[in-house]
Amino acid sequence: MRYWVIGLAFCFVGCASVPVSPEEQVRFDTIASRLKPPATLSGAFSIVDQRKPDATQVKVNLTGLAGGFSCFIGISQLGDSKFAADRIARLENALAEAFPGRSGQLIVRRYDIYLNQGSEVSTMVWSVAIGGALGAAAASGGLVGSGDVNAPTVWRKPRCDRERMHSGWFDPSDLTSNYPPVTVELDVSVFGQNYSINAAHSSEIVIETYGVIPMQKSPVFNAILQTTMDKANARLVKAIQANSPPKTD
């Protein structure tokens, strides 16, 4: 299948797509090959969905009135009305596999997925606002620019600390590259205990700041979403295991 470099979040100057190189095509094919069929509930757990109604929606601007000063600039909420509609089923399946023979209520208060393009959008905002030499400096990383995604070390950091970022925050140690990360926020109750989990994964492809619609059916991007969900679900399983009392004979 032929892929195009397309992206999410903001469309400032006209949305477009460009053909990828043969090398990129091979990499895209490799990522897309990881895509698994949609999951369905196993029935091992009784699901109580307590998510806020707007959590299922796609939102491309979480900045609010703070605009360019917001902690949430460049963050898109990927609600399951359009992305990863099977996220709760994948979570339930992961728990059923990790804890065979156990059941009960699984209360889901949050299963939110975000794309954090804060660095890229900060660059665009500063470039437009300042212009000229300062705008060029911002675009090259001299001010708040995104820097080189191919840099050998991970320079990308969240815009604010976790206490101020309820959406799109990530631990830089979760990243393996400087591509915009996908993040997951989990808040659940299972086996009578509450758990809050954050996980992030580098997006693995160049995501331009274009439109939301083109990515919804992209097997490459959806494979990346699945990888991030798997990471969050595995992190939850590990937290439950650490919280479980030891078995006695």
Protein backbone atom coordinates (compact mmCIF):
# COMPACT_ATOMS: atom_id res chain seq x y z
CA MET A 1 0.00 0.00 0.00
CA ARG A 2 1.33 3.44 -0.91
CA TYR A 3 1.50 5.90 1.98
CA TRP A 4 1.77 9.67 2.11
CA VAL A 5 3.28 11.91 4.76
CA ILE A 6 0.21 13.44 6.33
CA GLY A 7 -0.54 14.66 9.80
CA LEU A 8 -2.67 15.85 12.65
CA ALA A 9 -3.60 18.85 14.72
CA PHE A 10 -3.52 22.30 13.13
CA CYS A 11 -3.95 23.47 9.53
CA PHE A 12 -2.45 26.94 9.36
CA VAL A 13 -1.53 27.37 5.73
CA GLY A 14 -3.29 24.86 3.51
CA CYS A 15 -3.37 21.12 4.03
CA ALA A 16 -1.33 18.95 1.71
CA SER A 17 0.44 15.63 1.38
CA VAL A 18 3.71 14.65 -0.23
CA PRO A 19 4.80 11.24 -1.56
CA VAL A 20 7.30 9.35 0.55
CA SER A 21 10.68 8.02 -0.58
CA PRO A 22 11.23 4.27 -1.21
CA GLU A 23 13.13 4.03 2.09
CA GLU A 24 10.27 5.69 3.96
CA GLN A 25 7.81 3.41 2.20
CA VAL A 26 9.61 0.33 3.55
CA ARG A 27 9.58 1.79 7.05
CA PHE A 28 5.89 2.66 6.78
CA ASP A 29 5.10 -0.87 5.57
CA THR A 30 6.99 -2.31 8.53
CA ILE A 31 5.05 -0.18 11.01
CA ALA A 32 1.71 -0.93 9.33
CA SER A 33 2.42 -4.67 9.52
CA ARG A 34 2.07 -4.41 13.32
CA LEU A 35 -1.57 -3.36 13.04
CA LYS A 36 -3.89 -5.86 14.73
CA PRO A 37 -7.60 -6.39 14.00
CA PRO A 38 -10.07 -4.50 16.21
CA ALA A 39 -10.47 -6.07 19.65
CA THR A 40 -13.77 -7.18 21.16
CA LEU A 41 -14.65 -7.58 24.83
CA SER A 42 -13.89 -11.01 26.24
CA GLY A 43 -16.62 -10.80 28.87
CA ALA A 44 -14.19 -11.55 31.71
CA PHE A 45 -14.90 -8.17 33.30
CA SER A 46 -18.02 -6.10 33.82
CA ILE A 47 -17.24 -2.73 32.25
CA VAL A 48 -18.43 0.47 33.92
CA ASP A 49 -17.67 3.37 31.58
CA GLN A 50 -17.48 6.55 33.67
CA ARG A 51 -15.61 8.67 31.14
CA LYS A 52 -16.72 12.22 30.50
CA PRO A 53 -18.90 12.49 27.38
CA ASP A 54 -16.43 14.72 25.53
CA ALA A 55 -13.60 12.23 26.14
CA THR A 56 -14.77 10.29 23.09
CA GLN A 57 -14.44 13.30 20.80
CA VAL A 58 -11.57 14.49 18.62
CA LYS A 59 -10.28 17.89 19.71
CA VAL A 60 -7.48 19.60 17.85
CA ASN A 61 -6.98 22.57 20.16
CA LEU A 62 -6.73 22.13 23.92
CA THR A 63 -5.21 25.57 24.53
CA GLY A 64 -8.35 27.36 25.69
CA LEU A 65 -8.11 31.08 26.47
CA ALA A 66 -4.39 30.89 27.29
CA GLY A 67 -3.55 30.45 23.60
CA GLY A 68 0.17 30.33 22.90
CA PHE A 69 0.99 30.45 26.62
CA SER A 70 -1.01 27.31 27.39
CA CYS A 71 0.52 24.04 28.57
CA PHE A 72 -1.66 22.33 25.96
CA ILE A 73 -0.59 24.06 22.78
CA GLY A 74 -0.17 21.56 19.95
CA ILE A 75 -2.01 18.76 21.77
CA SER A 76 -4.78 16.86 19.97
CA GLN A 77 -7.24 14.63 21.81
CA LEU A 78 -7.80 11.46 19.77
CA GLY A 79 -11.22 10.38 20.99
CA ASP A 80 -12.56 6.94 20.20
CA SER A 81 -15.32 8.36 18.03
CA LYS A 82 -12.60 8.44 15.34
CA PHE A 83 -9.44 6.80 16.76
CA ALA A 84 -8.87 3.48 18.57
CA ALA A 85 -12.53 2.72 19.12
CA ASP A 86 -11.53 -0.62 20.69
CA ARG A 87 -9.36 0.89 23.44
CA ILE A 88 -11.50 -0.36 26.33
CA ALA A 89 -11.79 -3.82 24.76
CA ARG A 90 -7.98 -3.94 24.37
CA LEU A 91 -7.62 -2.95 28.02
CA GLU A 92 -10.08 -5.63 29.16
CA ASN A 93 -8.37 -8.25 27.00
CA ALA A 94 -4.97 -7.36 28.49
CA LEU A 95 -6.33 -7.79 32.02
CA ALA A 96 -8.08 -11.04 31.16
CA GLU A 97 -4.85 -12.43 29.70
CA ALA A 98 -2.70 -11.26 32.62
CA PHE A 99 -5.11 -12.44 35.32
CA PRO A 100 -6.85 -15.61 34.06
CA GLY A 101 -9.64 -16.82 36.29
CA ARG A 102 -10.16 -13.41 37.90
CA SER A 103 -13.09 -11.15 37.11
CA GLY A 104 -15.19 -8.36 38.55
CA GLN A 105 -15.86 -4.74 37.74
CA LEU A 106 -13.55 -2.70 35.57
CA ILE A 107 -14.40 0.95 36.13
CA VAL A 108 -12.93 3.22 33.45
CA ARG A 109 -12.82 6.90 34.35
CA ARG A 110 -10.24 7.80 31.69
CA TYR A 111 -8.74 6.14 28.65
CA ASP A 112 -7.53 9.20 26.81
CA ILE A 113 -5.10 9.26 23.89
CA TYR A 114 -3.31 12.40 22.73
CA LEU A 115 -0.82 13.47 20.12
CA ASN A 116 1.61 16.05 21.50
CA GLN A 117 2.97 18.37 18.80
CA GLY A 118 3.71 21.16 21.26
CA SER A 119 7.22 21.83 19.96
CA GLU A 120 6.13 22.07 16.33
CA VAL A 121 3.13 24.30 16.97
CA SER A 122 5.13 26.55 19.33
CA THR A 123 7.57 27.06 16.48
CA MET A 124 4.78 27.95 14.06
CA VAL A 125 3.17 30.37 16.51
CA TRP A 126 6.45 32.16 17.21
CA SER A 127 7.38 32.24 13.55
CA VAL A 128 4.09 33.88 12.62
CA ALA A 129 4.03 36.24 15.59
CA ILE A 130 7.64 37.40 15.45
CA GLY A 131 8.55 36.95 11.79
CA GLY A 132 11.82 37.89 10.13
CA ALA A 133 15.10 36.85 11.71
CA LEU A 134 13.56 35.93 15.06
CA GLY A 135 10.98 33.76 13.33
CA ALA A 136 13.75 31.98 11.45
CA ALA A 137 15.63 31.48 14.70
CA ALA A 138 12.54 29.95 16.28
CA ALA A 139 12.05 27.61 13.33
CA SER A 140 15.63 26.39 13.63
CA GLY A 141 15.31 25.78 17.35
CA GLY A 142 16.91 29.04 18.49
CA LEU A 143 13.87 30.06 20.53
CA VAL A 144 11.16 27.53 21.16
CA GLY A 145 11.69 25.57 17.96
CA SER A 146 11.18 21.87 17.52
CA GLY A 147 14.85 21.18 16.75
CA ASP A 148 16.04 18.26 14.65
CA VAL A 149 13.82 15.17 14.94
CA ASN A 150 16.77 13.09 13.74
CA ALA A 151 19.07 14.27 16.55
CA PRO A 152 20.86 11.32 18.23
CA THR A 153 19.57 12.24 21.68
CA VAL A 154 15.99 12.88 22.77
CA TRP A 155 15.53 16.63 23.29
CA ARG A 156 11.73 16.68 23.32
CA LYS A 157 10.10 17.59 26.64
CA PRO A 158 6.55 18.41 27.75
CA ARG A 159 5.68 22.09 27.89
CA CYS A 160 4.74 22.00 31.60
CA ASP A 161 5.15 19.66 34.57
CA ARG A 162 2.71 16.82 35.10
CA GLU A 163 0.77 18.60 37.85
CA ARG A 164 -0.27 21.27 35.35
CA MET A 165 -0.77 18.98 32.34
CA HIS A 166 -3.77 16.71 32.68
CA SER A 167 -3.63 15.98 28.94
CA GLY A 168 -0.69 15.14 26.69
CA TRP A 169 2.04 15.05 29.34
CA PHE A 170 4.85 12.53 28.81
CA ASP A 171 8.00 11.36 30.54
CA PRO A 172 10.92 11.97 28.14
CA SER A 173 12.40 8.63 29.24
CA ASP A 174 9.45 6.95 27.47
CA LEU A 175 10.60 8.30 24.10
CA THR A 176 12.99 6.67 21.66
CA SER A 177 13.10 9.52 19.11
CA ASN A 178 12.19 13.17 18.69
CA TYR A 179 9.07 12.55 16.64
CA PRO A 180 5.87 13.88 18.29
CA PRO A 181 4.77 11.41 20.98
CA VAL A 182 1.42 9.72 21.39
CA THR A 183 0.40 9.66 25.05
CA VAL A 184 -2.17 7.68 27.03
CA GLU A 185 -3.83 8.60 30.32
CA LEU A 186 -5.54 5.75 32.18
CA ASP A 187 -7.64 6.14 35.33
CA VAL A 188 -9.37 2.89 36.32
CA SER A 189 -10.55 0.80 39.22
CA VAL A 190 -10.06 -2.97 39.06
CA PHE A 191 -9.96 -5.66 41.75
CA GLY A 192 -11.12 -3.00 44.21
CA GLN A 193 -8.11 -0.71 43.69
CA ASN A 194 -7.63 2.58 41.87
CA TYR A 195 -4.86 3.06 39.31
CA SER A 196 -3.65 6.07 37.32
CA ILE A 197 -1.28 5.28 34.48
CA ASN A 198 0.58 7.45 31.98
CA ALA A 199 2.49 6.10 28.99
CA ALA A 200 4.01 7.63 25.88
CA HIS A 201 5.50 6.35 22.63
CA SER A 202 7.44 8.18 19.93
CA SER A 203 5.28 8.39 16.83
CA GLU A 204 7.97 6.83 14.56
CA ILE A 205 6.99 8.91 11.51
CA VAL A 206 7.21 12.55 10.54
CA ILE A 207 3.82 14.04 11.38
CA GLU A 208 3.31 17.42 9.81
CA THR A 209 0.94 19.93 11.41
CA TYR A 210 -1.82 19.48 8.85
CA GLY A 211 -5.34 18.08 9.19
CA VAL A 212 -6.98 15.47 11.44
CA ILE A 213 -9.12 13.62 8.89
CA PRO A 214 -6.34 12.01 6.76
CA MET A 215 -4.89 10.07 9.71
CA GLN A 216 -8.08 8.39 10.88
CA LYS A 217 -7.77 5.48 8.45
CA SER A 218 -3.98 5.36 8.25
CA PRO A 219 -2.75 1.83 9.12
CA VAL A 220 0.63 3.32 10.01
CA PHE A 221 -0.73 5.79 12.53
CA ASN A 222 -3.24 3.32 13.95
CA ALA A 223 -0.45 0.79 14.47
CA ILE A 224 1.41 3.45 16.45
CA LEU A 225 -1.71 4.07 18.54
CA GLN A 226 -1.96 0.34 19.27
CA THR A 227 1.68 0.21 20.34
CA THR A 228 1.07 3.07 22.78
CA MET A 229 -2.08 1.44 24.16
CA ASP A 230 -0.21 -1.84 24.63
CA LYS A 231 2.44 0.03 26.59
CA ALA A 232 -0.15 1.68 28.85
CA ASN A 233 -2.06 -1.57 29.37
CA ALA A 234 1.15 -3.46 30.23
CA ARG A 235 2.09 -0.70 32.67
CA LEU A 236 -1.30 -1.09 34.37
CA VAL A 237 -0.87 -4.87 34.59
CA LYS A 238 2.54 -4.38 36.20
CA ALA A 239 1.07 -1.93 38.73
CA ILE A 240 -1.70 -4.40 39.64
CA GLN A 241 0.81 -7.21 40.05
CA ALA A 242 2.96 -5.04 42.32
CA ASN A 243 -0.12 -4.24 44.41
CA SER A 244 -1.33 -7.83 44.70
CA PRO A 245 -0.70 -9.70 47.95
CA PRO A 246 1.64 -12.69 47.65
CA LYS A 247 0.02 -16.09 47.29
CA THR A 248 0.17 -18.43 50.28
CA ASP A 249 -0.08 -22.20 50.30
